[in-house]
Amino acid sequence: MMEDGLLVKDLFLPLEKKWNEPKLNELFDAESMEMILKIPIPAHDRPDKIIWVSEAKGNFTVKSAYKT
């Protein structure tokens, strides 16, 4: 697994449906790791998608980036 091509799914143990804490500890500071561990892992796999949270519809525009 290459660190620069890491996906979210690479940060948890899929058979156990829990975060891979040793891996998180390698990659993140304690505060970030604490926040990540609060994110629930879904029971069923879903494809990843990219959304722009700074815009209500999740779409990226130059205008929404400028506002941010």
C-alpha atoms as a PDB file:
ATOM      1  CA  MET A   1       0.000   0.000   0.000  1.00  0.00           C
ATOM      2  CA  MET A   2       1.441   3.346  -1.032  1.00  0.00           C
ATOM      3  CA  GLU A   3       0.947   6.218   1.407  1.00  0.00           C
ATOM      4  CA  ASP A   4       0.343   8.795  -1.341  1.00  0.00           C
ATOM      5  CA  GLY A   5      -2.488   6.691  -2.795  1.00  0.00           C
ATOM      6  CA  LEU A   6      -4.210   5.952   0.495  1.00  0.00           C
ATOM      7  CA  LEU A   7      -8.003   5.691   0.553  1.00  0.00           C
ATOM      8  CA  VAL A   8     -10.266   5.966   3.581  1.00  0.00           C
ATOM      9  CA  LYS A   9     -10.997   2.244   3.338  1.00  0.00           C
ATOM     10  CA  ASP A  10      -7.270   1.612   3.874  1.00  0.00           C
ATOM     11  CA  LEU A  11      -7.573   3.145   7.339  1.00  0.00           C
ATOM     12  CA  PHE A  12      -9.929   0.591   8.811  1.00  0.00           C
ATOM     13  CA  LEU A  13     -10.030  -3.158   9.323  1.00  0.00           C
ATOM     14  CA  PRO A  14     -12.840  -4.240   6.969  1.00  0.00           C
ATOM     15  CA  LEU A  15     -13.573  -7.630   8.527  1.00  0.00           C
ATOM     16  CA  GLU A  16     -13.856  -6.116  11.991  1.00  0.00           C
ATOM     17  CA  LYS A  17     -15.507  -2.858  10.868  1.00  0.00           C
ATOM     18  CA  LYS A  18     -13.255  -0.768  13.087  1.00  0.00           C
ATOM     19  CA  TRP A  19     -10.509   1.784  12.581  1.00  0.00           C
ATOM     20  CA  ASN A  20      -6.918   0.576  12.210  1.00  0.00           C
ATOM     21  CA  GLU A  21      -5.606   2.542  15.179  1.00  0.00           C
ATOM     22  CA  PRO A  22      -1.897   1.723  14.670  1.00  0.00           C
ATOM     23  CA  LYS A  23      -2.158   2.992  11.065  1.00  0.00           C
ATOM     24  CA  LEU A  24      -3.991   6.148  12.157  1.00  0.00           C
ATOM     25  CA  ASN A  25      -1.325   6.736  14.789  1.00  0.00           C
ATOM     26  CA  GLU A  26       1.377   6.578  12.075  1.00  0.00           C
ATOM     27  CA  LEU A  27      -0.393   9.117   9.885  1.00  0.00           C
ATOM     28  CA  PHE A  28      -2.146  11.607  12.166  1.00  0.00           C
ATOM     29  CA  ASP A  29      -1.562  13.655  15.291  1.00  0.00           C
ATOM     30  CA  ALA A  30      -3.445  12.724  18.481  1.00  0.00           C
ATOM     31  CA  GLU A  31      -6.182  15.353  18.042  1.00  0.00           C
ATOM     32  CA  SER A  32      -6.941  14.314  14.442  1.00  0.00           C
ATOM     33  CA  MET A  33      -6.890  10.653  15.395  1.00  0.00           C
ATOM     34  CA  GLU A  34      -9.365  11.291  18.218  1.00  0.00           C
ATOM     35  CA  MET A  35     -11.768  12.961  15.771  1.00  0.00           C
ATOM     36  CA  ILE A  36     -11.365  10.196  13.184  1.00  0.00           C
ATOM     37  CA  LEU A  37     -12.146   7.509  15.764  1.00  0.00           C
ATOM     38  CA  LYS A  38     -15.510   9.207  16.381  1.00  0.00           C
ATOM     39  CA  ILE A  39     -16.548   8.640  12.754  1.00  0.00           C
ATOM     40  CA  PRO A  40     -18.651   5.477  12.497  1.00  0.00           C
ATOM     41  CA  ILE A  41     -17.695   2.909   9.867  1.00  0.00           C
ATOM     42  CA  PRO A  42     -20.731   1.904   7.784  1.00  0.00           C
ATOM     43  CA  ALA A  43     -21.930  -1.700   8.043  1.00  0.00           C
ATOM     44  CA  HIS A  44     -22.093  -1.988   4.233  1.00  0.00           C
ATOM     45  CA  ASP A  45     -19.493  -0.891   1.697  1.00  0.00           C
ATOM     46  CA  ARG A  46     -20.413   2.100  -0.423  1.00  0.00           C
ATOM     47  CA  PRO A  47     -18.388   3.724  -3.185  1.00  0.00           C
ATOM     48  CA  ASP A  48     -16.421   6.811  -2.207  1.00  0.00           C
ATOM     49  CA  LYS A  49     -17.564  10.141  -3.578  1.00  0.00           C
ATOM     50  CA  ILE A  50     -16.136  13.609  -3.512  1.00  0.00           C
ATOM     51  CA  ILE A  51     -18.333  16.464  -2.324  1.00  0.00           C
ATOM     52  CA  TRP A  52     -17.652  20.130  -1.717  1.00  0.00           C
ATOM     53  CA  VAL A  53     -18.970  20.819   1.791  1.00  0.00           C
ATOM     54  CA  SER A  54     -18.710  24.579   1.398  1.00  0.00           C
ATOM     55  CA  GLU A  55     -21.678  24.600  -0.991  1.00  0.00           C
ATOM     56  CA  ALA A  56     -25.193  23.455  -0.058  1.00  0.00           C
ATOM     57  CA  LYS A  57     -25.599  21.116  -3.054  1.00  0.00           C
ATOM     58  CA  GLY A  58     -22.095  19.691  -2.713  1.00  0.00           C
ATOM     59  CA  ASN A  59     -20.953  21.115  -6.054  1.00  0.00           C
ATOM     60  CA  PHE A  60     -17.630  22.873  -6.481  1.00  0.00           C
ATOM     61  CA  THR A  61     -17.668  26.230  -8.249  1.00  0.00           C
ATOM     62  CA  VAL A  62     -15.131  29.039  -8.412  1.00  0.00           C
ATOM     63  CA  LYS A  63     -17.737  31.224  -6.706  1.00  0.00           C
ATOM     64  CA  SER A  64     -18.139  28.800  -3.782  1.00  0.00           C
ATOM     65  CA  ALA A  65     -14.350  28.523  -3.424  1.00  0.00           C
ATOM     66  CA  TYR A  66     -14.027  32.308  -3.482  1.00  0.00           C
ATOM     67  CA  LYS A  67     -16.661  32.633  -0.743  1.00  0.00           C
ATOM     68  CA  THR A  68     -14.719  30.165   1.388  1.00  0.00           C
END
